[in-house]
Amino acid sequence: MVGEDPVYIHIGAVTQGPTSTTWSIVPFEWGTANPDARMTKVEGESDVWEWELTPNELFEISGDQTVFRLGMVFRVCYRE
């Protein structure tokens, strides 16, 4: 993704168990240019991006769920 702008995060919480890799809670729809998923370019860096999250605020977790891990994919949103 060198030279790309904007960059978006696609993120999901794994709640089905310690060995699961299934994303159970996904706050952003894949392939969309959701402004909440847009990453911020790190000032002074050419291809370094960041995105801050607070898991308890981002994911709607019920009282009996445990988040075992987070999965992330970074992408660009191409326009035709």
PDB file of N, CA and C in Angstrom:
ATOM      1  N   MET A   1       0.811  -1.181   0.000  1.00  0.00           N
ATOM      2  CA  MET A   1       0.000   0.000   0.000  1.00  0.00           C
ATOM      3  C   MET A   1       0.862   1.255   0.000  1.00  0.00           C
ATOM      4  N   VAL A   2       2.093   1.102  -0.417  1.00  0.00           N
ATOM      5  CA  VAL A   2       2.994   2.239  -0.485  1.00  0.00           C
ATOM      6  C   VAL A   2       2.418   3.277  -1.439  1.00  0.00           C
ATOM      7  N   GLY A   3       2.347   4.496  -0.990  1.00  0.00           N
ATOM      8  CA  GLY A   3       1.851   5.586  -1.815  1.00  0.00           C
ATOM      9  C   GLY A   3       0.340   5.700  -1.874  1.00  0.00           C
ATOM     10  N   GLU A   4      -0.370   4.844  -1.179  1.00  0.00           N
ATOM     11  CA  GLU A   4      -1.839   4.871  -1.212  1.00  0.00           C
ATOM     12  C   GLU A   4      -2.388   5.844  -0.174  1.00  0.00           C
ATOM     13  N   ASP A   5      -3.514   6.439  -0.494  1.00  0.00           N
ATOM     14  CA  ASP A   5      -4.210   7.336   0.416  1.00  0.00           C
ATOM     15  C   ASP A   5      -5.609   7.529  -0.134  1.00  0.00           C
ATOM     16  N   PRO A   6      -6.642   7.246   0.600  1.00  0.00           N
ATOM     17  CA  PRO A   6      -6.694   6.871   2.008  1.00  0.00           C
ATOM     18  C   PRO A   6      -6.521   5.370   2.226  1.00  0.00           C
ATOM     19  N   VAL A   7      -6.269   5.024   3.486  1.00  0.00           N
ATOM     20  CA  VAL A   7      -6.163   3.627   3.918  1.00  0.00           C
ATOM     21  C   VAL A   7      -7.245   3.399   4.975  1.00  0.00           C
ATOM     22  N   TYR A   8      -7.901   2.235   4.884  1.00  0.00           N
ATOM     23  CA  TYR A   8      -8.979   1.889   5.811  1.00  0.00           C
ATOM     24  C   TYR A   8      -8.648   0.604   6.562  1.00  0.00           C
ATOM     25  N   ILE A   9      -9.197   0.477   7.756  1.00  0.00           N
ATOM     26  CA  ILE A   9      -9.062  -0.741   8.551  1.00  0.00           C
ATOM     27  C   ILE A   9     -10.368  -1.526   8.475  1.00  0.00           C
ATOM     28  N   HIS A  10     -10.245  -2.828   8.402  1.00  0.00           N
ATOM     29  CA  HIS A  10     -11.393  -3.725   8.555  1.00  0.00           C
ATOM     30  C   HIS A  10     -11.029  -4.575   9.766  1.00  0.00           C
ATOM     31  N   ILE A  11     -11.878  -4.572  10.774  1.00  0.00           N
ATOM     32  CA  ILE A  11     -11.506  -5.176  12.053  1.00  0.00           C
ATOM     33  C   ILE A  11     -12.662  -6.013  12.594  1.00  0.00           C
ATOM     34  N   GLY A  12     -12.308  -7.082  13.272  1.00  0.00           N
ATOM     35  CA  GLY A  12     -13.336  -7.933  13.868  1.00  0.00           C
ATOM     36  C   GLY A  12     -12.852  -8.534  15.171  1.00  0.00           C
ATOM     37  N   ALA A  13     -13.796  -8.780  16.069  1.00  0.00           N
ATOM     38  CA  ALA A  13     -13.498  -9.398  17.360  1.00  0.00           C
ATOM     39  C   ALA A  13     -13.844 -10.880  17.300  1.00  0.00           C
ATOM     40  N   VAL A  14     -12.953 -11.714  17.808  1.00  0.00           N
ATOM     41  CA  VAL A  14     -13.163 -13.162  17.891  1.00  0.00           C
ATOM     42  C   VAL A  14     -13.656 -13.469  19.302  1.00  0.00           C
ATOM     43  N   THR A  15     -14.891 -14.000  19.392  1.00  0.00           N
ATOM     44  CA  THR A  15     -15.493 -14.253  20.708  1.00  0.00           C
ATOM     45  C   THR A  15     -15.904 -15.709  20.906  1.00  0.00           C
ATOM     46  N   GLN A  16     -15.664 -16.562  19.908  1.00  0.00           N
ATOM     47  CA  GLN A  16     -16.178 -17.936  19.972  1.00  0.00           C
ATOM     48  C   GLN A  16     -15.271 -18.916  20.705  1.00  0.00           C
ATOM     49  N   GLY A  17     -14.135 -18.458  21.174  1.00  0.00           N
ATOM     50  CA  GLY A  17     -13.253 -19.337  21.938  1.00  0.00           C
ATOM     51  C   GLY A  17     -11.805 -19.020  21.690  1.00  0.00           C
ATOM     52  N   PRO A  18     -10.917 -19.519  22.539  1.00  0.00           N
ATOM     53  CA  PRO A  18      -9.495 -19.186  22.451  1.00  0.00           C
ATOM     54  C   PRO A  18      -8.803 -19.720  21.202  1.00  0.00           C
ATOM     55  N   THR A  19      -9.366 -20.706  20.527  1.00  0.00           N
ATOM     56  CA  THR A  19      -8.724 -21.223  19.313  1.00  0.00           C
ATOM     57  C   THR A  19      -9.465 -20.814  18.037  1.00  0.00           C
ATOM     58  N   SER A  20     -10.582 -20.106  18.178  1.00  0.00           N
ATOM     59  CA  SER A  20     -11.371 -19.682  17.022  1.00  0.00           C
ATOM     60  C   SER A  20     -10.664 -18.574  16.250  1.00  0.00           C
ATOM     61  N   THR A  21     -10.912 -18.523  14.957  1.00  0.00           N
ATOM     62  CA  THR A  21     -10.421 -17.429  14.116  1.00  0.00           C
ATOM     63  C   THR A  21     -11.582 -16.703  13.434  1.00  0.00           C
ATOM     64  N   THR A  22     -12.806 -17.026  13.828  1.00  0.00           N
ATOM     65  CA  THR A  22     -14.000 -16.430  13.228  1.00  0.00           C
ATOM     66  C   THR A  22     -14.288 -15.061  13.837  1.00  0.00           C
ATOM     67  N   TRP A  23     -14.422 -14.072  12.974  1.00  0.00           N
ATOM     68  CA  TRP A  23     -14.763 -12.735  13.432  1.00  0.00           C
ATOM     69  C   TRP A  23     -16.247 -12.715  13.764  1.00  0.00           C
ATOM     70  N   SER A  24     -16.593 -12.567  15.019  1.00  0.00           N
ATOM     71  CA  SER A  24     -17.982 -12.594  15.467  1.00  0.00           C
ATOM     72  C   SER A  24     -18.625 -11.214  15.441  1.00  0.00           C
ATOM     73  N   ILE A  25     -17.842 -10.204  15.757  1.00  0.00           N
ATOM     74  CA  ILE A  25     -18.355  -8.833  15.818  1.00  0.00           C
ATOM     75  C   ILE A  25     -17.528  -7.989  14.856  1.00  0.00           C
ATOM     76  N   VAL A  26     -18.184  -7.441  13.829  1.00  0.00           N
ATOM     77  CA  VAL A  26     -17.494  -6.653  12.808  1.00  0.00           C
ATOM     78  C   VAL A  26     -18.203  -5.301  12.700  1.00  0.00           C
ATOM     79  N   PRO A  27     -17.574  -4.224  13.183  1.00  0.00           N
ATOM     80  CA  PRO A  27     -18.267  -2.936  13.230  1.00  0.00           C
ATOM     81  C   PRO A  27     -18.377  -2.192  11.899  1.00  0.00           C
ATOM     82  N   PHE A  28     -17.534  -2.518  10.920  1.00  0.00           N
ATOM     83  CA  PHE A  28     -17.557  -1.813   9.640  1.00  0.00           C
ATOM     84  C   PHE A  28     -17.788  -2.793   8.495  1.00  0.00           C
ATOM     85  N   GLU A  29     -18.619  -2.403   7.553  1.00  0.00           N
ATOM     86  CA  GLU A  29     -18.877  -3.244   6.390  1.00  0.00           C
ATOM     87  C   GLU A  29     -17.669  -3.218   5.458  1.00  0.00           C
ATOM     88  N   TRP A  30     -17.265  -4.392   4.987  1.00  0.00           N
ATOM     89  CA  TRP A  30     -16.111  -4.533   4.098  1.00  0.00           C
ATOM     90  C   TRP A  30     -16.354  -3.775   2.799  1.00  0.00           C
ATOM     91  N   GLY A  31     -15.309  -3.137   2.298  1.00  0.00           N
ATOM     92  CA  GLY A  31     -15.343  -2.517   0.977  1.00  0.00           C
ATOM     93  C   GLY A  31     -15.980  -1.141   0.929  1.00  0.00           C
ATOM     94  N   THR A  32     -16.342  -0.601   2.074  1.00  0.00           N
ATOM     95  CA  THR A  32     -16.952   0.724   2.081  1.00  0.00           C
ATOM     96  C   THR A  32     -15.935   1.763   2.534  1.00  0.00           C
ATOM     97  N   ALA A  33     -16.194   2.995   2.185  1.00  0.00           N
ATOM     98  CA  ALA A  33     -15.326   4.102   2.594  1.00  0.00           C
ATOM     99  C   ALA A  33     -15.900   4.740   3.856  1.00  0.00           C
ATOM    100  N   ASN A  34     -16.097   3.935   4.879  1.00  0.00           N
ATOM    101  CA  ASN A  34     -16.657   4.414   6.136  1.00  0.00           C
ATOM    102  C   ASN A  34     -15.651   5.360   6.793  1.00  0.00           C
ATOM    103  N   PRO A  35     -16.041   6.603   7.058  1.00  0.00           N
ATOM    104  CA  PRO A  35     -15.081   7.541   7.657  1.00  0.00           C
ATOM    105  C   PRO A  35     -14.577   7.102   9.031  1.00  0.00           C
ATOM    106  N   ASP A  36     -15.354   6.298   9.759  1.00  0.00           N
ATOM    107  CA  ASP A  36     -14.907   5.812  11.071  1.00  0.00           C
ATOM    108  C   ASP A  36     -13.786   4.782  10.947  1.00  0.00           C
ATOM    109  N   ALA A  37     -13.639   4.186   9.773  1.00  0.00           N
ATOM    110  CA  ALA A  37     -12.605   3.170   9.551  1.00  0.00           C
ATOM    111  C   ALA A  37     -11.386   3.729   8.823  1.00  0.00           C
ATOM    112  N   ARG A  38     -11.417   5.009   8.511  1.00  0.00           N
ATOM    113  CA  ARG A  38     -10.293   5.619   7.795  1.00  0.00           C
ATOM    114  C   ARG A  38      -9.126   5.839   8.753  1.00  0.00           C
ATOM    115  N   MET A  39      -7.964   5.379   8.331  1.00  0.00           N
ATOM    116  CA  MET A  39      -6.769   5.511   9.151  1.00  0.00           C
ATOM    117  C   MET A  39      -6.145   6.891   8.951  1.00  0.00           C
ATOM    118  N   THR A  40      -5.313   7.303   9.903  1.00  0.00           N
ATOM    119  CA  THR A  40      -4.664   8.605   9.865  1.00  0.00           C
ATOM    120  C   THR A  40      -3.189   8.415   9.526  1.00  0.00           C
ATOM    121  N   LYS A  41      -2.715   9.186   8.569  1.00  0.00           N
ATOM    122  CA  LYS A  41      -1.293   9.127   8.219  1.00  0.00           C
ATOM    123  C   LYS A  41      -0.485   9.747   9.350  1.00  0.00           C
ATOM    124  N   VAL A  42       0.587   9.073   9.753  1.00  0.00           N
ATOM    125  CA  VAL A  42       1.457   9.563  10.822  1.00  0.00           C
ATOM    126  C   VAL A  42       2.288  10.715  10.267  1.00  0.00           C
ATOM    127  N   GLU A  43       2.205  11.849  10.941  1.00  0.00           N
ATOM    128  CA  GLU A  43       2.907  13.042  10.488  1.00  0.00           C
ATOM    129  C   GLU A  43       4.411  12.795  10.387  1.00  0.00           C
ATOM    130  N   GLY A  44       4.977  13.214   9.278  1.00  0.00           N
ATOM    131  CA  GLY A  44       6.410  13.061   9.056  1.00  0.00           C
ATOM    132  C   GLY A  44       6.810  11.710   8.483  1.00  0.00           C
ATOM    133  N   GLU A  45       5.863  10.811   8.299  1.00  0.00           N
ATOM    134  CA  GLU A  45       6.129   9.477   7.752  1.00  0.00           C
ATOM    135  C   GLU A  45       5.417   9.353   6.402  1.00  0.00           C
ATOM    136  N   SER A  46       6.068   8.731   5.439  1.00  0.00           N
ATOM    137  CA  SER A  46       5.464   8.655   4.109  1.00  0.00           C
ATOM    138  C   SER A  46       4.410   7.553   3.990  1.00  0.00           C
ATOM    139  N   ASP A  47       4.632   6.419   4.600  1.00  0.00           N
ATOM    140  CA  ASP A  47       3.699   5.300   4.452  1.00  0.00           C
ATOM    141  C   ASP A  47       3.412   4.617   5.786  1.00  0.00           C
ATOM    142  N   VAL A  48       3.244   5.399   6.832  1.00  0.00           N
ATOM    143  CA  VAL A  48       2.915   4.857   8.146  1.00  0.00           C
ATOM    144  C   VAL A  48       1.546   5.423   8.546  1.00  0.00           C
ATOM    145  N   TRP A  49       0.662   4.508   8.922  1.00  0.00           N
ATOM    146  CA  TRP A  49      -0.706   4.876   9.260  1.00  0.00           C
ATOM    147  C   TRP A  49      -1.035   4.409  10.669  1.00  0.00           C
ATOM    148  N   GLU A  50      -2.021   5.064  11.304  1.00  0.00           N
ATOM    149  CA  GLU A  50      -2.459   4.647  12.626  1.00  0.00           C
ATOM    150  C   GLU A  50      -3.977   4.765  12.713  1.00  0.00           C
ATOM    151  N   TRP A  51      -4.518   4.021  13.655  1.00  0.00           N
ATOM    152  CA  TRP A  51      -5.958   4.049  13.912  1.00  0.00           C
ATOM    153  C   TRP A  51      -6.146   3.673  15.363  1.00  0.00           C
ATOM    154  N   GLU A  52      -6.701   4.557  16.131  1.00  0.00           N
ATOM    155  CA  GLU A  52      -6.854   4.341  17.570  1.00  0.00           C
ATOM    156  C   GLU A  52      -8.196   3.701  17.869  1.00  0.00           C
ATOM    157  N   LEU A  53      -8.181   2.739  18.781  1.00  0.00           N
ATOM    158  CA  LEU A  53      -9.432   2.121  19.168  1.00  0.00           C
ATOM    159  C   LEU A  53      -9.473   1.866  20.660  1.00  0.00           C
ATOM    160  N   THR A  54     -10.697   1.884  21.172  1.00  0.00           N
ATOM    161  CA  THR A  54     -10.991   1.457  22.533  1.00  0.00           C
ATOM    162  C   THR A  54     -11.962   0.296  22.366  1.00  0.00           C
ATOM    163  N   PRO A  55     -11.500  -0.950  22.528  1.00  0.00           N
ATOM    164  CA  PRO A  55     -12.336  -2.118  22.220  1.00  0.00           C
ATOM    165  C   PRO A  55     -13.721  -2.096  22.857  1.00  0.00           C
ATOM    166  N   ASN A  56     -13.820  -1.694  24.105  1.00  0.00           N
ATOM    167  CA  ASN A  56     -15.126  -1.696  24.767  1.00  0.00           C
ATOM    168  C   ASN A  56     -16.090  -0.678  24.176  1.00  0.00           C
ATOM    169  N   GLU A  57     -15.571   0.328  23.492  1.00  0.00           N
ATOM    170  CA  GLU A  57     -16.420   1.313  22.835  1.00  0.00           C
ATOM    171  C   GLU A  57     -16.725   0.919  21.395  1.00  0.00           C
ATOM    172  N   LEU A  58     -15.784   0.281  20.713  1.00  0.00           N
ATOM    173  CA  LEU A  58     -15.959  -0.075  19.304  1.00  0.00           C
ATOM    174  C   LEU A  58     -16.879  -1.270  19.111  1.00  0.00           C
ATOM    175  N   PHE A  59     -16.701  -2.297  19.935  1.00  0.00           N
ATOM    176  CA  PHE A  59     -17.457  -3.533  19.772  1.00  0.00           C
ATOM    177  C   PHE A  59     -18.630  -3.585  20.746  1.00  0.00           C
ATOM    178  N   GLU A  60     -19.779  -4.008  20.243  1.00  0.00           N
ATOM    179  CA  GLU A  60     -20.943  -4.186  21.109  1.00  0.00           C
ATOM    180  C   GLU A  60     -20.848  -5.580  21.723  1.00  0.00           C
ATOM    181  N   ILE A  61     -20.289  -5.633  22.925  1.00  0.00           N
ATOM    182  CA  ILE A  61     -20.022  -6.897  23.602  1.00  0.00           C
ATOM    183  C   ILE A  61     -21.045  -7.083  24.716  1.00  0.00           C
ATOM    184  N   SER A  62     -21.702  -8.238  24.706  1.00  0.00           N
ATOM    185  CA  SER A  62     -22.652  -8.524  25.786  1.00  0.00           C
ATOM    186  C   SER A  62     -21.882  -8.944  27.034  1.00  0.00           C
ATOM    187  N   GLY A  63     -22.532  -8.912  28.158  1.00  0.00           N
ATOM    188  CA  GLY A  63     -21.896  -9.204  29.437  1.00  0.00           C
ATOM    189  C   GLY A  63     -21.284 -10.583  29.549  1.00  0.00           C
ATOM    190  N   ASP A  64     -21.784 -11.550  28.769  1.00  0.00           N
ATOM    191  CA  ASP A  64     -21.261 -12.911  28.860  1.00  0.00           C
ATOM    192  C   ASP A  64     -20.230 -13.231  27.777  1.00  0.00           C
ATOM    193  N   GLN A  65     -19.835 -12.250  26.961  1.00  0.00           N
ATOM    194  CA  GLN A  65     -18.860 -12.494  25.892  1.00  0.00           C
ATOM    195  C   GLN A  65     -17.456 -12.110  26.338  1.00  0.00           C
ATOM    196  N   THR A  66     -16.485 -12.847  25.798  1.00  0.00           N
ATOM    197  CA  THR A  66     -15.071 -12.544  25.988  1.00  0.00           C
ATOM    198  C   THR A  66     -14.459 -12.339  24.622  1.00  0.00           C
ATOM    199  N   VAL A  67     -13.682 -11.291  24.452  1.00  0.00           N
ATOM    200  CA  VAL A  67     -12.939 -11.081  23.212  1.00  0.00           C
ATOM    201  C   VAL A  67     -11.590 -11.763  23.379  1.00  0.00           C
ATOM    202  N   PHE A  68     -11.361 -12.809  22.579  1.00  0.00           N
ATOM    203  CA  PHE A  68     -10.124 -13.579  22.664  1.00  0.00           C
ATOM    204  C   PHE A  68      -9.015 -12.990  21.805  1.00  0.00           C
ATOM    205  N   ARG A  69      -9.390 -12.357  20.693  1.00  0.00           N
ATOM    206  CA  ARG A  69      -8.397 -11.735  19.820  1.00  0.00           C
ATOM    207  C   ARG A  69      -9.114 -10.808  18.857  1.00  0.00           C
ATOM    208  N   LEU A  70      -8.326  -9.966  18.191  1.00  0.00           N
ATOM    209  CA  LEU A  70      -8.833  -9.084  17.149  1.00  0.00           C
ATOM    210  C   LEU A  70      -8.174  -9.458  15.831  1.00  0.00           C
ATOM    211  N   GLY A  71      -8.956  -9.440  14.773  1.00  0.00           N
ATOM    212  CA  GLY A  71      -8.419  -9.639  13.433  1.00  0.00           C
ATOM    213  C   GLY A  71      -8.479  -8.312  12.691  1.00  0.00           C
ATOM    214  N   MET A  72      -7.461  -8.022  11.883  1.00  0.00           N
ATOM    215  CA  MET A  72      -7.411  -6.753  11.151  1.00  0.00           C
ATOM    216  C   MET A  72      -6.893  -6.960   9.737  1.00  0.00           C
ATOM    217  N   VAL A  73      -7.493  -6.218   8.816  1.00  0.00           N
ATOM    218  CA  VAL A  73      -7.044  -6.168   7.432  1.00  0.00           C
ATOM    219  C   VAL A  73      -7.000  -4.692   7.064  1.00  0.00           C
ATOM    220  N   PHE A  74      -5.973  -4.293   6.354  1.00  0.00           N
ATOM    221  CA  PHE A  74      -5.837  -2.900   5.934  1.00  0.00           C
ATOM    222  C   PHE A  74      -5.990  -2.841   4.421  1.00  0.00           C
ATOM    223  N   ARG A  75      -6.724  -1.847   3.939  1.00  0.00           N
ATOM    224  CA  ARG A  75      -7.010  -1.787   2.515  1.00  0.00           C
ATOM    225  C   ARG A  75      -7.159  -0.339   2.057  1.00  0.00           C
ATOM    226  N   VAL A  76      -7.133  -0.198   0.743  1.00  0.00           N
ATOM    227  CA  VAL A  76      -7.421   1.085   0.119  1.00  0.00           C
ATOM    228  C   VAL A  76      -8.793   0.973  -0.530  1.00  0.00           C
ATOM    229  N   CYS A  77      -9.409   2.083  -0.782  1.00  0.00           N
ATOM    230  CA  CYS A  77     -10.729   2.090  -1.386  1.00  0.00           C
ATOM    231  C   CYS A  77     -10.582   2.682  -2.789  1.00  0.00           C
ATOM    232  N   TYR A  78     -10.497   1.802  -3.770  1.00  0.00           N
ATOM    233  CA  TYR A  78     -10.305   2.267  -5.146  1.00  0.00           C
ATOM    234  C   TYR A  78     -11.583   2.860  -5.694  1.00  0.00           C
ATOM    235  N   ARG A  79     -11.410   3.908  -6.448  1.00  0.00           N
ATOM    236  CA  ARG A  79     -12.553   4.548  -7.092  1.00  0.00           C
ATOM    237  C   ARG A  79     -12.469   4.324  -8.597  1.00  0.00           C
ATOM    238  N   GLU A  80     -13.604   4.151  -9.203  1.00  0.00           N
ATOM    239  CA  GLU A  80     -13.654   3.921 -10.665  1.00  0.00           C
ATOM    240  C   GLU A  80     -13.714   5.251 -11.365  1.00  0.00           C
TER     241      GLU A  80
END
